[in-house]
mmCIF file of all heavy atoms, coordinates in Angstrom:
data_MODEL
# 
_entry.id   MODEL 
# 
loop_
_atom_site.group_PDB 
_atom_site.id 
_atom_site.type_symbol 
_atom_site.label_atom_id 
_atom_site.label_alt_id 
_atom_site.label_comp_id 
_atom_site.label_asym_id 
_atom_site.label_entity_id 
_atom_site.label_seq_id 
_atom_site.pdbx_PDB_ins_code 
_atom_site.Cartn_x 
_atom_site.Cartn_y 
_atom_site.Cartn_z 
_atom_site.occupancy 
_atom_site.B_iso_or_equiv 
_atom_site.pdbx_formal_charge 
_atom_site.auth_seq_id 
_atom_site.auth_comp_id 
_atom_site.auth_asym_id 
_atom_site.auth_atom_id 
_atom_site.pdbx_PDB_model_num 
ATOM 1   N N   . GLY A 1 1  ? -96.460  -51.946 -137.256 1.00 0.00 ? 1  GLY A N   1 
ATOM 2   C CA  . GLY A 1 1  ? -96.316  -50.692 -137.945 1.00 0.00 ? 1  GLY A CA  1 
ATOM 3   C C   . GLY A 1 1  ? -97.223  -49.613 -137.394 1.00 0.00 ? 1  GLY A C   1 
ATOM 4   O O   . GLY A 1 1  ? -97.824  -49.759 -136.324 1.00 0.00 ? 1  GLY A O   1 
ATOM 5   N N   . PRO A 1 2  ? -97.360  -48.504 -138.123 1.00 0.00 ? 2  PRO A N   1 
ATOM 6   C CA  . PRO A 1 2  ? -98.152  -47.371 -137.640 1.00 0.00 ? 2  PRO A CA  1 
ATOM 7   C C   . PRO A 1 2  ? -99.645  -47.657 -137.608 1.00 0.00 ? 2  PRO A C   1 
ATOM 8   O O   . PRO A 1 2  ? -100.150 -48.518 -138.338 1.00 0.00 ? 2  PRO A O   1 
ATOM 9   C CB  . PRO A 1 2  ? -97.814  -46.259 -138.627 1.00 0.00 ? 2  PRO A CB  1 
ATOM 10  C CG  . PRO A 1 2  ? -97.374  -46.969 -139.846 1.00 0.00 ? 2  PRO A CG  1 
ATOM 11  C CD  . PRO A 1 2  ? -96.695  -48.204 -139.399 1.00 0.00 ? 2  PRO A CD  1 
ATOM 12  N N   . ASP A 1 3  ? -100.345 -46.912 -136.757 1.00 0.00 ? 3  ASP A N   1 
ATOM 13  C CA  . ASP A 1 3  ? -101.799 -47.036 -136.613 1.00 0.00 ? 3  ASP A CA  1 
ATOM 14  C C   . ASP A 1 3  ? -102.563 -46.167 -137.613 1.00 0.00 ? 3  ASP A C   1 
ATOM 15  O O   . ASP A 1 3  ? -103.656 -46.483 -138.025 1.00 0.00 ? 3  ASP A O   1 
ATOM 16  C CB  . ASP A 1 3  ? -102.241 -46.621 -135.208 1.00 0.00 ? 3  ASP A CB  1 
ATOM 17  C CG  . ASP A 1 3  ? -101.548 -47.452 -134.118 1.00 0.00 ? 3  ASP A CG  1 
ATOM 18  O OD1 . ASP A 1 3  ? -101.462 -48.674 -134.281 1.00 0.00 ? 3  ASP A OD1 1 
ATOM 19  O OD2 . ASP A 1 3  ? -101.094 -46.838 -133.127 1.00 0.00 ? 3  ASP A OD2 1 
ATOM 20  N N   . ASP A 1 4  ? -101.968 -45.006 -137.961 1.00 0.00 ? 4  ASP A N   1 
ATOM 21  C CA  . ASP A 1 4  ? -102.717 -44.036 -138.753 1.00 0.00 ? 4  ASP A CA  1 
ATOM 22  C C   . ASP A 1 4  ? -101.778 -42.972 -139.309 1.00 0.00 ? 4  ASP A C   1 
ATOM 23  O O   . ASP A 1 4  ? -100.575 -43.025 -139.090 1.00 0.00 ? 4  ASP A O   1 
ATOM 24  C CB  . ASP A 1 4  ? -103.799 -43.377 -137.894 1.00 0.00 ? 4  ASP A CB  1 
ATOM 25  C CG  . ASP A 1 4  ? -103.265 -42.832 -136.558 1.00 0.00 ? 4  ASP A CG  1 
ATOM 26  O OD1 . ASP A 1 4  ? -102.064 -42.449 -136.515 1.00 0.00 ? 4  ASP A OD1 1 
ATOM 27  O OD2 . ASP A 1 4  ? -104.014 -42.794 -135.574 1.00 0.00 ? 4  ASP A OD2 1 
ATOM 28  N N   . HIS A 1 5  ? -102.383 -42.028 -140.033 1.00 0.00 ? 5  HIS A N   1 
ATOM 29  C CA  . HIS A 1 5  ? -101.707 -40.842 -140.513 1.00 0.00 ? 5  HIS A CA  1 
ATOM 30  C C   . HIS A 1 5  ? -102.355 -39.636 -139.830 1.00 0.00 ? 5  HIS A C   1 
ATOM 31  O O   . HIS A 1 5  ? -103.581 -39.513 -139.807 1.00 0.00 ? 5  HIS A O   1 
ATOM 32  C CB  . HIS A 1 5  ? -101.855 -40.670 -142.016 1.00 0.00 ? 5  HIS A CB  1 
ATOM 33  C CG  . HIS A 1 5  ? -101.193 -41.739 -142.839 1.00 0.00 ? 5  HIS A CG  1 
ATOM 34  N ND1 . HIS A 1 5  ? -99.877  -41.682 -143.254 1.00 0.00 ? 5  HIS A ND1 1 
ATOM 35  C CD2 . HIS A 1 5  ? -101.676 -42.924 -143.320 1.00 0.00 ? 5  HIS A CD2 1 
ATOM 36  C CE1 . HIS A 1 5  ? -99.584  -42.756 -143.939 1.00 0.00 ? 5  HIS A CE1 1 
ATOM 37  N NE2 . HIS A 1 5  ? -100.657 -43.534 -143.993 1.00 0.00 ? 5  HIS A NE2 1 
ATOM 38  N N   . ILE A 1 6  ? -101.534 -38.761 -139.254 1.00 0.00 ? 6  ILE A N   1 
ATOM 39  C CA  . ILE A 1 6  ? -102.077 -37.586 -138.570 1.00 0.00 ? 6  ILE A CA  1 
ATOM 40  C C   . ILE A 1 6  ? -101.543 -36.314 -139.212 1.00 0.00 ? 6  ILE A C   1 
ATOM 41  O O   . ILE A 1 6  ? -100.525 -36.315 -139.890 1.00 0.00 ? 6  ILE A O   1 
ATOM 42  C CB  . ILE A 1 6  ? -101.787 -37.610 -137.055 1.00 0.00 ? 6  ILE A CB  1 
ATOM 43  C CG1 . ILE A 1 6  ? -100.271 -37.565 -136.782 1.00 0.00 ? 6  ILE A CG1 1 
ATOM 44  C CG2 . ILE A 1 6  ? -102.390 -38.874 -136.419 1.00 0.00 ? 6  ILE A CG2 1 
ATOM 45  C CD1 . ILE A 1 6  ? -99.938  -37.450 -135.287 1.00 0.00 ? 6  ILE A CD1 1 
ATOM 46  N N   . PHE A 1 7  ? -102.277 -35.234 -139.008 1.00 0.00 ? 7  PHE A N   1 
ATOM 47  C CA  . PHE A 1 7  ? -101.939 -33.923 -139.571 1.00 0.00 ? 7  PHE A CA  1 
ATOM 48  C C   . PHE A 1 7  ? -101.791 -34.008 -141.105 1.00 0.00 ? 7  PHE A C   1 
ATOM 49  O O   . PHE A 1 7  ? -100.900 -33.363 -141.682 1.00 0.00 ? 7  PHE A O   1 
ATOM 50  C CB  . PHE A 1 7  ? -100.697 -33.340 -138.908 1.00 0.00 ? 7  PHE A CB  1 
ATOM 51  C CG  . PHE A 1 7  ? -100.912 -32.908 -137.488 1.00 0.00 ? 7  PHE A CG  1 
ATOM 52  C CD1 . PHE A 1 7  ? -100.491 -33.704 -136.429 1.00 0.00 ? 7  PHE A CD1 1 
ATOM 53  C CD2 . PHE A 1 7  ? -101.555 -31.717 -137.204 1.00 0.00 ? 7  PHE A CD2 1 
ATOM 54  C CE1 . PHE A 1 7  ? -100.714 -33.330 -135.104 1.00 0.00 ? 7  PHE A CE1 1 
ATOM 55  C CE2 . PHE A 1 7  ? -101.780 -31.333 -135.887 1.00 0.00 ? 7  PHE A CE2 1 
ATOM 56  C CZ  . PHE A 1 7  ? -101.370 -32.153 -134.844 1.00 0.00 ? 7  PHE A CZ  1 
ATOM 57  N N   . THR A 1 8  ? -102.686 -34.780 -141.732 1.00 0.00 ? 8  THR A N   1 
ATOM 58  C CA  . THR A 1 8  ? -102.629 -34.878 -143.186 1.00 0.00 ? 8  THR A CA  1 
ATOM 59  C C   . THR A 1 8  ? -103.017 -33.577 -143.859 1.00 0.00 ? 8  THR A C   1 
ATOM 60  O O   . THR A 1 8  ? -102.760 -33.404 -145.053 1.00 0.00 ? 8  THR A O   1 
ATOM 61  C CB  . THR A 1 8  ? -103.527 -36.004 -143.680 1.00 0.00 ? 8  THR A CB  1 
ATOM 62  O OG1 . THR A 1 8  ? -104.879 -35.774 -143.227 1.00 0.00 ? 8  THR A OG1 1 
ATOM 63  C CG2 . THR A 1 8  ? -103.057 -37.366 -143.144 1.00 0.00 ? 8  THR A CG2 1 
ATOM 64  N N   . GLY A 1 9  ? -103.638 -32.645 -143.123 1.00 0.00 ? 9  GLY A N   1 
ATOM 65  C CA  . GLY A 1 9  ? -103.924 -31.360 -143.697 1.00 0.00 ? 9  GLY A CA  1 
ATOM 66  C C   . GLY A 1 9  ? -102.664 -30.559 -144.018 1.00 0.00 ? 9  GLY A C   1 
ATOM 67  O O   . GLY A 1 9  ? -102.723 -29.587 -144.784 1.00 0.00 ? 9  GLY A O   1 
ATOM 68  N N   . SER A 1 10 ? -101.530 -30.997 -143.456 1.00 0.00 ? 10 SER A N   1 
ATOM 69  C CA  . SER A 1 10 ? -100.241 -30.342 -143.738 1.00 0.00 ? 10 SER A CA  1 
ATOM 70  C C   . SER A 1 10 ? -99.348  -31.198 -144.619 1.00 0.00 ? 10 SER A C   1 
ATOM 71  O O   . SER A 1 10 ? -98.151  -30.932 -144.744 1.00 0.00 ? 10 SER A O   1 
ATOM 72  C CB  . SER A 1 10 ? -99.507  -30.050 -142.435 1.00 0.00 ? 10 SER A CB  1 
ATOM 73  O OG  . SER A 1 10 ? -100.285 -29.253 -141.563 1.00 0.00 ? 10 SER A OG  1 
ATOM 74  N N   . LYS A 1 11 ? -99.906  -32.242 -145.232 1.00 0.00 ? 11 LYS A N   1 
ATOM 75  C CA  . LYS A 1 11 ? -99.123  -33.196 -146.011 1.00 0.00 ? 11 LYS A CA  1 
ATOM 76  C C   . LYS A 1 11 ? -98.357  -32.494 -147.144 1.00 0.00 ? 11 LYS A C   1 
ATOM 77  O O   . LYS A 1 11 ? -98.845  -31.549 -147.763 1.00 0.00 ? 11 LYS A O   1 
ATOM 78  C CB  . LYS A 1 11 ? -100.060 -34.249 -146.589 1.00 0.00 ? 11 LYS A CB  1 
ATOM 79  C CG  . LYS A 1 11 ? -99.370  -35.330 -147.409 1.00 0.00 ? 11 LYS A CG  1 
ATOM 80  C CD  . LYS A 1 11 ? -100.370 -36.273 -147.998 1.00 0.00 ? 11 LYS A CD  1 
ATOM 81  C CE  . LYS A 1 11 ? -101.176 -35.657 -149.108 1.00 0.00 ? 11 LYS A CE  1 
ATOM 82  N NZ  . LYS A 1 11 ? -100.343 -35.312 -150.299 1.00 0.00 ? 11 LYS A NZ  1 
ATOM 83  N N   . ALA A 1 12 ? -97.159  -32.991 -147.418 1.00 0.00 ? 12 ALA A N   1 
ATOM 84  C CA  . ALA A 1 12 ? -96.388  -32.485 -148.556 1.00 0.00 ? 12 ALA A CA  1 
ATOM 85  C C   . ALA A 1 12 ? -97.136  -32.755 -149.861 1.00 0.00 ? 12 ALA A C   1 
ATOM 86  O O   . ALA A 1 12 ? -97.641  -33.862 -150.063 1.00 0.00 ? 12 ALA A O   1 
ATOM 87  C CB  . ALA A 1 12 ? -95.027  -33.166 -148.594 1.00 0.00 ? 12 ALA A CB  1 
ATOM 88  N N   . ASP A 1 13 ? -97.207  -31.758 -150.723 1.00 0.00 ? 13 ASP A N   1 
ATOM 89  C CA  . ASP A 1 13 ? -98.003  -31.919 -151.930 1.00 0.00 ? 13 ASP A CA  1 
ATOM 90  C C   . ASP A 1 13 ? -97.336  -32.836 -152.949 1.00 0.00 ? 13 ASP A C   1 
ATOM 91  O O   . ASP A 1 13 ? -97.975  -33.238 -153.928 1.00 0.00 ? 13 ASP A O   1 
ATOM 92  C CB  . ASP A 1 13 ? -98.350  -30.575 -152.550 1.00 0.00 ? 13 ASP A CB  1 
ATOM 93  C CG  . ASP A 1 13 ? -97.126  -29.788 -152.983 1.00 0.00 ? 13 ASP A CG  1 
ATOM 94  O OD1 . ASP A 1 13 ? -95.990  -30.290 -152.824 1.00 0.00 ? 13 ASP A OD1 1 
ATOM 95  O OD2 . ASP A 1 13 ? -97.301  -28.668 -153.522 1.00 0.00 ? 13 ASP A OD2 1 
ATOM 96  N N   . TRP A 1 14 ? -96.089  -33.181 -152.752 1.00 0.00 ? 14 TRP A N   1 
ATOM 97  C CA  . TRP A 1 14 ? -95.415  -34.085 -153.683 1.00 0.00 ? 14 TRP A CA  1 
ATOM 98  C C   . TRP A 1 14 ? -95.481  -35.545 -153.247 1.00 0.00 ? 14 TRP A C   1 
ATOM 99  O O   . TRP A 1 14 ? -94.922  -36.427 -153.913 1.00 0.00 ? 14 TRP A O   1 
ATOM 100 C CB  . TRP A 1 14 ? -93.940  -33.666 -153.848 1.00 0.00 ? 14 TRP A CB  1 
ATOM 101 C CG  . TRP A 1 14 ? -93.230  -33.325 -152.571 1.00 0.00 ? 14 TRP A CG  1 
ATOM 102 C CD1 . TRP A 1 14 ? -93.029  -32.067 -152.056 1.00 0.00 ? 14 TRP A CD1 1 
ATOM 103 C CD2 . TRP A 1 14 ? -92.641  -34.231 -151.641 1.00 0.00 ? 14 TRP A CD2 1 
ATOM 104 N NE1 . TRP A 1 14 ? -92.355  -32.153 -150.878 1.00 0.00 ? 14 TRP A NE1 1 
ATOM 105 C CE2 . TRP A 1 14 ? -92.083  -33.454 -150.595 1.00 0.00 ? 14 TRP A CE2 1 
ATOM 106 C CE3 . TRP A 1 14 ? -92.473  -35.628 -151.609 1.00 0.00 ? 14 TRP A CE3 1 
ATOM 107 C CZ2 . TRP A 1 14 ? -91.416  -34.026 -149.518 1.00 0.00 ? 14 TRP A CZ2 1 
ATOM 108 C CZ3 . TRP A 1 14 ? -91.822  -36.211 -150.540 1.00 0.00 ? 14 TRP A CZ3 1 
ATOM 109 C CH2 . TRP A 1 14 ? -91.293  -35.398 -149.511 1.00 0.00 ? 14 TRP A CH2 1 
ATOM 110 N N   . TRP A 1 15 ? -96.145  -35.822 -152.116 1.00 0.00 ? 15 TRP A N   1 
ATOM 111 C CA  . TRP A 1 15 ? -96.246  -37.185 -151.622 1.00 0.00 ? 15 TRP A CA  1 
ATOM 112 C C   . TRP A 1 15 ? -97.698  -37.608 -151.518 1.00 0.00 ? 15 TRP A C   1 
ATOM 113 O O   . TRP A 1 15 ? -98.520  -36.911 -150.924 1.00 0.00 ? 15 TRP A O   1 
ATOM 114 C CB  . TRP A 1 15 ? -95.576  -37.295 -150.236 1.00 0.00 ? 15 TRP A CB  1 
ATOM 115 C CG  . TRP A 1 15 ? -95.719  -38.649 -149.626 1.00 0.00 ? 15 TRP A CG  1 
ATOM 116 C CD1 . TRP A 1 15 ? -96.504  -39.008 -148.551 1.00 0.00 ? 15 TRP A CD1 1 
ATOM 117 C CD2 . TRP A 1 15 ? -95.122  -39.868 -150.066 1.00 0.00 ? 15 TRP A CD2 1 
ATOM 118 N NE1 . TRP A 1 15 ? -96.402  -40.355 -148.302 1.00 0.00 ? 15 TRP A NE1 1 
ATOM 119 C CE2 . TRP A 1 15 ? -95.568  -40.915 -149.224 1.00 0.00 ? 15 TRP A CE2 1 
ATOM 120 C CE3 . TRP A 1 15 ? -94.252  -40.190 -151.119 1.00 0.00 ? 15 TRP A CE3 1 
ATOM 121 C CZ2 . TRP A 1 15 ? -95.150  -42.236 -149.383 1.00 0.00 ? 15 TRP A CZ2 1 
ATOM 122 C CZ3 . TRP A 1 15 ? -93.839  -41.510 -151.272 1.00 0.00 ? 15 TRP A CZ3 1 
ATOM 123 C CH2 . TRP A 1 15 ? -94.284  -42.493 -150.419 1.00 0.00 ? 15 TRP A CH2 1 
ATOM 124 N N   . GLU A 1 16 ? -98.011  -38.763 -152.103 1.00 0.00 ? 16 GLU A N   1 
ATOM 125 C CA  . GLU A 1 16 ? -99.361  -39.321 -152.014 1.00 0.00 ? 16 GLU A CA  1 
ATOM 126 C C   . GLU A 1 16 ? -99.336  -40.502 -151.047 1.00 0.00 ? 16 GLU A C   1 
ATOM 127 O O   . GLU A 1 16 ? -98.494  -41.401 -151.185 1.00 0.00 ? 16 GLU A O   1 
ATOM 128 C CB  . GLU A 1 16 ? -99.855  -39.767 -153.379 1.00 0.00 ? 16 GLU A CB  1 
ATOM 129 C CG  . GLU A 1 16 ? -100.081 -38.618 -154.363 1.00 0.00 ? 16 GLU A CG  1 
ATOM 130 C CD  . GLU A 1 16 ? -101.113 -37.619 -153.828 1.00 0.00 ? 16 GLU A CD  1 
ATOM 131 O OE1 . GLU A 1 16 ? -102.081 -38.065 -153.182 1.00 0.00 ? 16 GLU A OE1 1 
ATOM 132 O OE2 . GLU A 1 16 ? -100.945 -36.409 -154.074 1.00 0.00 ? 16 GLU A OE2 1 
ATOM 133 N N   . ILE A 1 17 ? -100.247 -40.510 -150.089 1.00 0.00 ? 17 ILE A N   1 
ATOM 134 C CA  . ILE A 1 17 ? -100.315 -41.599 -149.106 1.00 0.00 ? 17 ILE A CA  1 
ATOM 135 C C   . ILE A 1 17 ? -100.818 -42.865 -149.821 1.00 0.00 ? 17 ILE A C   1 
ATOM 136 O O   . ILE A 1 17 ? -101.897 -42.853 -150.412 1.00 0.00 ? 17 ILE A O   1 
ATOM 137 C CB  . ILE A 1 17 ? -101.256 -41.218 -147.957 1.00 0.00 ? 17 ILE A CB  1 
ATOM 138 C CG1 . ILE A 1 17 ? -100.718 -39.992 -147.222 1.00 0.00 ? 17 ILE A CG1 1 
ATOM 139 C CG2 . ILE A 1 17 ? -101.408 -42.393 -146.990 1.00 0.00 ? 17 ILE A CG2 1 
ATOM 140 C CD1 . ILE A 1 17 ? -101.640 -39.445 -146.156 1.00 0.00 ? 17 ILE A CD1 1 
ATOM 141 N N   . PRO A 1 18 ? -100.039 -43.960 -149.782 1.00 0.00 ? 18 PRO A N   1 
ATOM 142 C CA  . PRO A 1 18 ? -100.377 -45.100 -150.614 1.00 0.00 ? 18 PRO A CA  1 
ATOM 143 C C   . PRO A 1 18 ? -101.177 -46.196 -149.922 1.00 0.00 ? 18 PRO A C   1 
ATOM 144 O O   . PRO A 1 18 ? -101.499 -47.200 -150.545 1.00 0.00 ? 18 PRO A O   1 
ATOM 145 C CB  . PRO A 1 18 ? -98.993  -45.637 -151.009 1.00 0.00 ? 18 PRO A CB  1 
ATOM 146 C CG  . PRO A 1 18 ? -98.158  -45.375 -149.801 1.00 0.00 ? 18 PRO A CG  1 
ATOM 147 C CD  . PRO A 1 18 ? -98.682  -44.094 -149.202 1.00 0.00 ? 18 PRO A CD  1 
ATOM 148 N N   . ASP A 1 19 ? -101.483 -46.032 -148.625 1.00 0.00 ? 19 ASP A N   1 
ATOM 149 C CA  . ASP A 1 19 ? -102.135 -47.121 -147.886 1.00 0.00 ? 19 ASP A CA  1 
ATOM 150 C C   . ASP A 1 19 ? -103.527 -46.701 -147.430 1.00 0.00 ? 19 ASP A C   1 
ATOM 151 O O   . ASP A 1 19 ? -103.969 -45.576 -147.666 1.00 0.00 ? 19 ASP A O   1 
ATOM 152 C CB  . ASP A 1 19 ? -101.264 -47.545 -146.696 1.00 0.00 ? 19 ASP A CB  1 
ATOM 153 C CG  . ASP A 1 19 ? -100.958 -46.377 -145.770 1.00 0.00 ? 19 ASP A CG  1 
ATOM 154 O OD1 . ASP A 1 19 ? -101.913 -45.741 -145.262 1.00 0.00 ? 19 ASP A OD1 1 
ATOM 155 O OD2 . ASP A 1 19 ? -99.761  -46.109 -145.516 1.00 0.00 ? 19 ASP A OD2 1 
ATOM 156 N N   . ASP A 1 20 ? -104.206 -47.636 -146.766 1.00 0.00 ? 20 ASP A N   1 
ATOM 157 C CA  . ASP A 1 20 ? -105.572 -47.409 -146.316 1.00 0.00 ? 20 ASP A CA  1 
ATOM 158 C C   . ASP A 1 20 ? -105.676 -47.171 -144.826 1.00 0.00 ? 20 ASP A C   1 
ATOM 159 O O   . ASP A 1 20 ? -106.773 -47.308 -144.238 1.00 0.00 ? 20 ASP A O   1 
ATOM 160 C CB  . ASP A 1 20 ? -106.440 -48.604 -146.703 1.00 0.00 ? 20 ASP A CB  1 
ATOM 161 C CG  . ASP A 1 20 ? -106.562 -48.772 -148.208 1.00 0.00 ? 20 ASP A CG  1 
ATOM 162 O OD1 . ASP A 1 20 ? -106.591 -47.738 -148.921 1.00 0.00 ? 20 ASP A OD1 1 
ATOM 163 O OD2 . ASP A 1 20 ? -106.601 -49.924 -148.678 1.00 0.00 ? 20 ASP A OD2 1 
ATOM 164 N N   . LEU A 1 21 ? -104.590 -46.795 -144.154 1.00 0.00 ? 21 LEU A N   1 
ATOM 165 C CA  . LEU A 1 21 ? -104.654 -46.506 -142.728 1.00 0.00 ? 21 LEU A CA  1 
ATOM 166 C C   . LEU A 1 21 ? -105.567 -45.306 -142.489 1.00 0.00 ? 21 LEU A C   1 
ATOM 167 O O   . LEU A 1 21 ? -105.706 -44.435 -143.348 1.00 0.00 ? 21 LEU A O   1 
ATOM 168 C CB  . LEU A 1 21 ? -103.267 -46.207 -142.172 1.00 0.00 ? 21 LEU A CB  1 
ATOM 169 C CG  . LEU A 1 21 ? -102.265 -47.367 -142.119 1.00 0.00 ? 21 LEU A CG  1 
ATOM 170 C CD1 . LEU A 1 21 ? -100.880 -46.846 -141.680 1.00 0.00 ? 21 LEU A CD1 1 
ATOM 171 C CD2 . LEU A 1 21 ? -102.741 -48.460 -141.192 1.00 0.00 ? 21 LEU A CD2 1 
ATOM 172 N N   . PRO A 1 22 ? -106.200 -45.230 -141.310 1.00 0.00 ? 22 PRO A N   1 
ATOM 173 C CA  . PRO A 1 22 ? -107.043 -44.057 -140.992 1.00 0.00 ? 22 PRO A CA  1 
ATOM 174 C C   . PRO A 1 22 ? -106.237 -42.759 -141.139 1.00 0.00 ? 22 PRO A C   1 
ATOM 175 O O   . PRO A 1 22 ? -105.035 -42.729 -140.845 1.00 0.00 ? 22 PRO A O   1 
ATOM 176 C CB  . PRO A 1 22 ? -107.451 -44.314 -139.545 1.00 0.00 ? 22 PRO A CB  1 
ATOM 177 C CG  . PRO A 1 22 ? -107.361 -45.798 -139.381 1.00 0.00 ? 22 PRO A CG  1 
ATOM 178 C CD  . PRO A 1 22 ? -106.218 -46.230 -140.220 1.00 0.00 ? 22 PRO A CD  1 
ATOM 179 N N   . ARG A 1 23 ? -106.915 -41.711 -141.533 1.00 0.00 ? 23 ARG A N   1 
ATOM 180 C CA  . ARG A 1 23 ? -106.281 -40.425 -141.725 1.00 0.00 ? 23 ARG A CA  1 
ATOM 181 C C   . ARG A 1 23 ? -107.000 -39.354 -140.929 1.00 0.00 ? 23 ARG A C   1 
ATOM 182 O O   . ARG A 1 23 ? -108.223 -39.336 -140.884 1.00 0.00 ? 23 ARG A O   1 
ATOM 183 C CB  . ARG A 1 23 ? -106.266 -40.038 -143.206 1.00 0.00 ? 23 ARG A CB  1 
ATOM 184 C CG  . ARG A 1 23 ? -105.617 -41.067 -144.122 1.00 0.00 ? 23 ARG A CG  1 
ATOM 185 C CD  . ARG A 1 23 ? -105.656 -40.656 -145.581 1.00 0.00 ? 23 ARG A CD  1 
ATOM 186 N NE  . ARG A 1 23 ? -105.219 -41.725 -146.450 1.00 0.00 ? 23 ARG A NE  1 
ATOM 187 C CZ  . ARG A 1 23 ? -105.036 -41.603 -147.751 1.00 0.00 ? 23 ARG A CZ  1 
ATOM 188 N NH1 . ARG A 1 23 ? -105.283 -40.430 -148.350 1.00 0.00 ? 23 ARG A NH1 1 
ATOM 189 N NH2 . ARG A 1 23 ? -104.637 -42.633 -148.471 1.00 0.00 ? 23 ARG A NH2 1 
ATOM 190 N N   . PHE A 1 24 ? -106.207 -38.480 -140.323 1.00 0.00 ? 24 PHE A N   1 
ATOM 191 C CA  . PHE A 1 24 ? -106.748 -37.369 -139.533 1.00 0.00 ? 24 PHE A CA  1 
ATOM 192 C C   . PHE A 1 24 ? -106.116 -36.086 -140.029 1.00 0.00 ? 24 PHE A C   1 
ATOM 193 O O   . PHE A 1 24 ? -104.871 -36.005 -140.104 1.00 0.00 ? 24 PHE A O   1 
ATOM 194 C CB  . PHE A 1 24 ? -106.493 -37.567 -138.038 1.00 0.00 ? 24 PHE A CB  1 
ATOM 195 C CG  . PHE A 1 24 ? -107.083 -38.840 -137.469 1.00 0.00 ? 24 PHE A CG  1 
ATOM 196 C CD1 . PHE A 1 24 ? -106.347 -40.006 -137.464 1.00 0.00 ? 24 PHE A CD1 1 
ATOM 197 C CD2 . PHE A 1 24 ? -108.375 -38.853 -136.967 1.00 0.00 ? 24 PHE A CD2 1 
ATOM 198 C CE1 . PHE A 1 24 ? -106.892 -41.189 -136.953 1.00 0.00 ? 24 PHE A CE1 1 
ATOM 199 C CE2 . PHE A 1 24 ? -108.914 -40.001 -136.438 1.00 0.00 ? 24 PHE A CE2 1 
ATOM 200 C CZ  . PHE A 1 24 ? -108.179 -41.182 -136.440 1.00 0.00 ? 24 PHE A CZ  1 
# 
């Protein structure tokens, strides 16, 4: 699966990231 979440500063405000992958 994926390594991380990127560009989380632009994340949709209706979606909450549910996992513990690294975030940038």
